[in-house]
Structure formats: C-alpha cells, structure tokens
Amino acid sequence: MPQLSFYSAEANTPRVRDLAGLLCGSGQVESFGGTAARLSVVVDEPWRVAAITAACAERGVVAEPAGAEDGGLLVRTPFRTDLAPLAVVWTGAAGKVVPAGLALDGALLRLWAMAAGRWMDSGYLLELDPRAPETHEPLAGALARCGLAATMLGVRGGGPGLRVSGPRRCNRLAELVGPVPNAAGRASWPVVSRVRATG
C-alpha cells in the first residue's frame, strides 16, 4: 500500500472546515446574524450531489438537494453555528473572498473536485466562481503553494478555472484527493490511471 501524504484527504479525520473546498468553486456561504451560516453549491451532475451530501454527512452536517433557479442541481445545508467561522473568513465587504494564506490540503481539494472538477485537454480543471473574480488569483496562489501550479483559463478557454497539467502535478492531485467518491463520477475524477493514460 502506498504511503499517504500528510496532506492527502485520507490522512486526516474529516472536519467541518474542509467544506471550504466547496467555496473554492461556485459554492456560497450565507451568514445569519453572525452566529450561524449555511453553505450552498450548484452542480451539474447527480453524482456530485450524492458525493457532496455524503462528504457533509461524514462531518456531521446535513445537506440536502434542491432545485436551482438556473436549472442546475443545488445542494444546501441548513443554518448552523459550526459553519459560522467559514462565513467569517470567506466573506468580505464586497462578497466572497479567499482567506489570507489559505492552505489547500487533500480534504479541501477533494471537496473542490467534487463540486467543480473535470478533465479537459489532458489536464484537470478546477472551476472557479464566475461571480467572484477577485477569488481567482488567490486560489491560483494557494494551488501553487501546495505544489499544483496551474494555468488560469478564462471563459473563452473553457473556464473560469485553474487547469492542472502534466503527469507529475496531475498524479499529485490524484494522490491528494483520494479515490473517486462514487462510480458515476469516475470519468470526472483525477484518478492516477487516467493520468497515466493521458500523460
């Protein structure tokens, strides 16, 4: 059995703060009176709904699917006091912000990939929030700090998103995020066998 990286998703006990990975993509956090908050994210495939719901449950957080205004699939938690710290650090005067010095580990990357990850052009794209462009550069910097320097793609290039490319980086990403959360998502997940096939 290969040795797990200290930063991999499987190396540490699931924590509520890991759900910040949803906010790296299009996820939103809404505060209620500064004492509670809820998370919501719109996704494009049913397997993502199942994976995110299960990941929340692993952290003792109930999340339920609901219809989204744009026809997408919405996953949302109720307002909870243990989500309030996420709202504090991910919300600025103008909306969503990336916390200073954000350290991405396998758990956060796993949630990001569940919500907004897919293969494209022999690389792996982690989608960014088109409604929060000021988060894009800080997230690129956070990826680079964990050894996953990525190419920023705009809307015309298939984004907005950060494309991790090259066998070494894609393998590192696959090792960090761990196994595919369910069989239906295998084609969109950064598995090592896919890296070998495309690399």
Protein backbone atom coordinates (compact mmCIF):
# COMPACT_ATOMS: atom_id res chain seq x y z
CA MET A 1 0.00 0.00 0.00
CA PRO A 2 1.46 3.41 -0.94
CA GLN A 3 2.21 5.76 1.92
CA LEU A 4 -0.34 8.52 2.34
CA SER A 5 0.81 12.09 2.19
CA PHE A 6 0.23 14.03 5.39
CA TYR A 7 -1.84 16.42 3.27
CA SER A 8 -3.98 13.79 1.49
CA ALA A 9 -7.73 13.60 2.01
CA GLU A 10 -7.44 10.16 3.62
CA ALA A 11 -4.71 11.06 6.09
CA ASN A 12 -6.79 13.17 8.45
CA THR A 13 -10.13 12.99 10.22
CA PRO A 14 -12.89 14.81 8.30
CA ARG A 15 -13.51 18.32 9.68
CA VAL A 16 -16.28 20.85 9.12
CA ARG A 17 -13.73 23.38 7.90
CA ASP A 18 -12.93 21.04 4.97
CA LEU A 19 -16.22 22.21 3.44
CA ALA A 20 -14.38 25.39 2.45
CA GLY A 21 -13.39 23.34 -0.59
CA LEU A 22 -16.90 23.97 -1.93
CA LEU A 23 -16.26 27.71 -1.69
CA CYS A 24 -13.17 27.43 -3.90
CA GLY A 25 -15.59 26.77 -6.75
CA SER A 26 -19.03 28.28 -7.08
CA GLY A 27 -20.17 27.48 -3.54
CA GLN A 28 -21.67 30.24 -1.43
CA VAL A 29 -21.82 30.84 2.31
CA GLU A 30 -24.63 32.87 3.81
CA SER A 31 -24.45 34.26 7.33
CA PHE A 32 -27.36 34.65 9.73
CA GLY A 33 -26.80 37.28 12.39
CA GLY A 34 -23.13 36.41 12.70
CA THR A 35 -23.98 33.34 14.78
CA ALA A 36 -24.89 30.79 12.10
CA ALA A 37 -24.30 30.20 8.41
CA ARG A 38 -25.26 27.84 5.64
CA LEU A 39 -23.42 26.55 2.60
CA SER A 40 -24.90 26.04 -0.84
CA VAL A 41 -23.44 24.98 -4.16
CA VAL A 42 -24.92 24.44 -7.62
CA VAL A 43 -23.52 21.45 -9.51
CA ASP A 44 -24.14 19.96 -12.94
CA GLU A 45 -24.37 16.20 -12.34
CA PRO A 46 -26.28 13.96 -9.91
CA TRP A 47 -23.13 12.11 -8.79
CA ARG A 48 -21.79 15.40 -7.42
CA VAL A 49 -24.94 15.86 -5.34
CA ALA A 50 -24.51 12.40 -3.84
CA ALA A 51 -20.80 12.88 -3.20
CA ILE A 52 -21.19 16.29 -1.54
CA THR A 53 -24.12 15.11 0.57
CA ALA A 54 -22.05 12.14 1.78
CA ALA A 55 -19.00 14.31 2.45
CA CYS A 56 -21.11 16.66 4.55
CA ALA A 57 -22.58 13.72 6.46
CA GLU A 58 -19.04 12.49 7.25
CA ARG A 59 -18.57 15.81 9.02
CA GLY A 60 -21.86 15.68 10.89
CA VAL A 61 -23.51 18.24 8.59
CA VAL A 62 -26.83 17.53 6.91
CA ALA A 63 -27.01 18.68 3.29
CA GLU A 64 -29.99 18.24 1.02
CA PRO A 65 -30.57 18.59 -2.73
CA ALA A 66 -32.91 21.24 -4.02
CA GLY A 67 -33.78 22.81 -7.35
CA ALA A 68 -31.68 25.75 -8.54
CA GLU A 69 -33.02 28.76 -10.42
CA ASP A 70 -30.82 28.13 -13.45
CA GLY A 71 -31.89 24.51 -13.78
CA GLY A 72 -28.78 23.16 -12.07
CA LEU A 73 -28.69 20.91 -9.04
CA LEU A 74 -28.44 22.71 -5.72
CA VAL A 75 -27.01 21.20 -2.55
CA ARG A 76 -27.63 23.21 0.61
CA THR A 77 -27.12 22.88 4.35
CA PRO A 78 -29.36 24.41 6.99
CA PHE A 79 -28.09 27.35 9.04
CA ARG A 80 -25.65 26.01 11.62
CA THR A 81 -23.45 27.59 14.26
CA ASP A 82 -20.46 25.41 13.31
CA LEU A 83 -20.49 26.89 9.80
CA ALA A 84 -20.30 30.49 11.07
CA PRO A 85 -16.46 30.51 11.14
CA LEU A 86 -16.43 29.75 7.39
CA ALA A 87 -18.67 32.73 6.75
CA VAL A 88 -16.39 34.98 8.79
CA VAL A 89 -13.21 34.17 6.87
CA TRP A 90 -14.75 33.73 3.40
CA THR A 91 -16.86 36.90 3.37
CA GLY A 92 -15.63 40.43 2.72
CA ALA A 93 -17.28 43.78 2.19
CA ALA A 94 -17.94 43.03 -1.49
CA GLY A 95 -18.82 39.34 -1.17
CA LYS A 96 -16.82 36.12 -1.23
CA VAL A 97 -13.09 36.38 -0.53
CA VAL A 98 -10.28 33.88 -0.11
CA PRO A 99 -8.82 33.85 3.41
CA ALA A 100 -5.27 35.21 3.55
CA GLY A 101 -2.70 32.44 3.44
CA LEU A 102 -5.24 29.74 2.59
CA ALA A 103 -3.56 26.32 2.79
CA LEU A 104 -5.13 23.77 0.46
CA ASP A 105 -4.83 20.16 1.61
CA GLY A 106 -6.31 16.97 0.22
CA ALA A 107 -9.63 17.34 2.01
CA LEU A 108 -10.32 20.84 0.64
CA LEU A 109 -9.16 19.80 -2.83
CA ARG A 110 -11.40 16.73 -2.67
CA LEU A 111 -14.47 18.87 -1.96
CA TRP A 112 -13.45 21.31 -4.72
CA ALA A 113 -13.12 18.45 -7.21
CA MET A 114 -16.47 17.01 -6.12
CA ALA A 115 -18.23 20.27 -6.82
CA ALA A 116 -16.32 21.62 -9.80
CA GLY A 117 -13.58 19.38 -11.17
CA ARG A 118 -13.29 17.79 -14.60
CA TRP A 119 -10.77 16.66 -17.21
CA MET A 120 -10.04 18.85 -20.20
CA ASP A 121 -7.23 18.83 -22.78
CA SER A 122 -5.10 16.27 -20.91
CA GLY A 123 -5.27 18.38 -17.78
CA TYR A 124 -7.57 18.64 -14.81
CA LEU A 125 -9.73 21.75 -14.48
CA LEU A 126 -10.81 23.06 -11.10
CA GLU A 127 -13.56 25.51 -11.91
CA LEU A 128 -13.69 28.93 -10.28
CA ASP A 129 -16.64 31.06 -9.26
CA PRO A 130 -17.55 33.35 -12.20
CA ARG A 131 -19.40 35.64 -9.76
CA ALA A 132 -16.31 36.17 -7.60
CA PRO A 133 -13.41 37.01 -9.96
CA GLU A 134 -11.39 38.50 -7.11
CA THR A 135 -11.01 34.97 -5.70
CA HIS A 136 -9.30 33.59 -8.80
CA GLU A 137 -5.74 34.84 -8.31
CA PRO A 138 -5.60 33.99 -4.57
CA LEU A 139 -6.79 30.45 -5.31
CA ALA A 140 -4.16 30.11 -8.05
CA GLY A 141 -1.57 31.14 -5.47
CA ALA A 142 -2.90 28.63 -2.94
CA LEU A 143 -2.68 25.84 -5.54
CA ALA A 144 0.89 26.80 -6.38
CA ARG A 145 1.87 26.73 -2.69
CA CYS A 146 0.74 23.12 -2.41
CA GLY A 147 2.77 22.08 -5.45
CA LEU A 148 -0.01 22.33 -8.04
CA ALA A 149 0.86 25.38 -10.11
CA ALA A 150 -1.96 25.74 -12.62
CA THR A 151 -2.88 27.69 -15.74
CA MET A 152 -5.63 30.26 -15.37
CA LEU A 153 -8.34 29.83 -18.01
CA GLY A 154 -10.94 32.45 -18.86
CA VAL A 155 -14.44 31.86 -20.17
CA ARG A 156 -13.22 31.58 -23.78
CA GLY A 157 -10.77 28.88 -22.76
CA GLY A 158 -13.39 26.75 -21.03
CA GLY A 159 -13.21 28.42 -17.61
CA PRO A 160 -13.09 30.33 -15.47
CA GLY A 161 -10.89 27.73 -13.89
CA LEU A 162 -7.40 26.56 -12.99
CA ARG A 163 -6.00 23.75 -15.16
CA VAL A 164 -3.51 21.43 -13.53
CA SER A 165 -1.48 19.74 -16.25
CA GLY A 166 1.48 17.42 -16.63
CA PRO A 167 1.74 13.87 -15.25
CA ARG A 168 3.64 14.87 -12.11
CA ARG A 169 1.16 17.52 -10.99
CA CYS A 170 -1.90 15.52 -12.01
CA ASN A 171 -0.60 12.49 -10.12
CA ARG A 172 -0.02 14.66 -7.06
CA LEU A 173 -3.57 15.98 -7.32
CA ALA A 174 -4.93 12.42 -7.66
CA GLU A 175 -2.99 11.32 -4.58
CA LEU A 176 -4.18 14.31 -2.56
CA VAL A 177 -7.89 13.99 -3.34
CA GLY A 178 -8.05 10.23 -2.85
CA PRO A 179 -10.35 7.70 -4.52
CA VAL A 180 -13.37 8.57 -6.62
CA PRO A 181 -16.33 9.19 -4.28
CA ASN A 182 -18.74 7.10 -6.36
CA ALA A 183 -18.61 5.10 -9.56
CA ALA A 184 -20.74 7.56 -11.52
CA GLY A 185 -18.10 10.26 -11.10
CA ARG A 186 -15.11 8.24 -12.28
CA ALA A 187 -14.87 9.96 -15.70
CA SER A 188 -14.58 13.36 -14.00
CA TRP A 189 -12.25 12.38 -11.15
CA PRO A 190 -8.44 12.81 -11.10
CA VAL A 191 -7.55 9.13 -10.77
CA VAL A 192 -3.94 8.01 -11.27
CA SER A 193 -4.90 5.53 -14.01
CA ARG A 194 -6.43 8.38 -16.04
CA VAL A 195 -3.24 10.41 -15.58
CA ARG A 196 -1.15 7.54 -16.93
CA ALA A 197 -3.48 7.14 -19.89
CA THR A 198 -3.35 10.81 -20.84
CA GLY A 199 0.23 11.51 -19.79
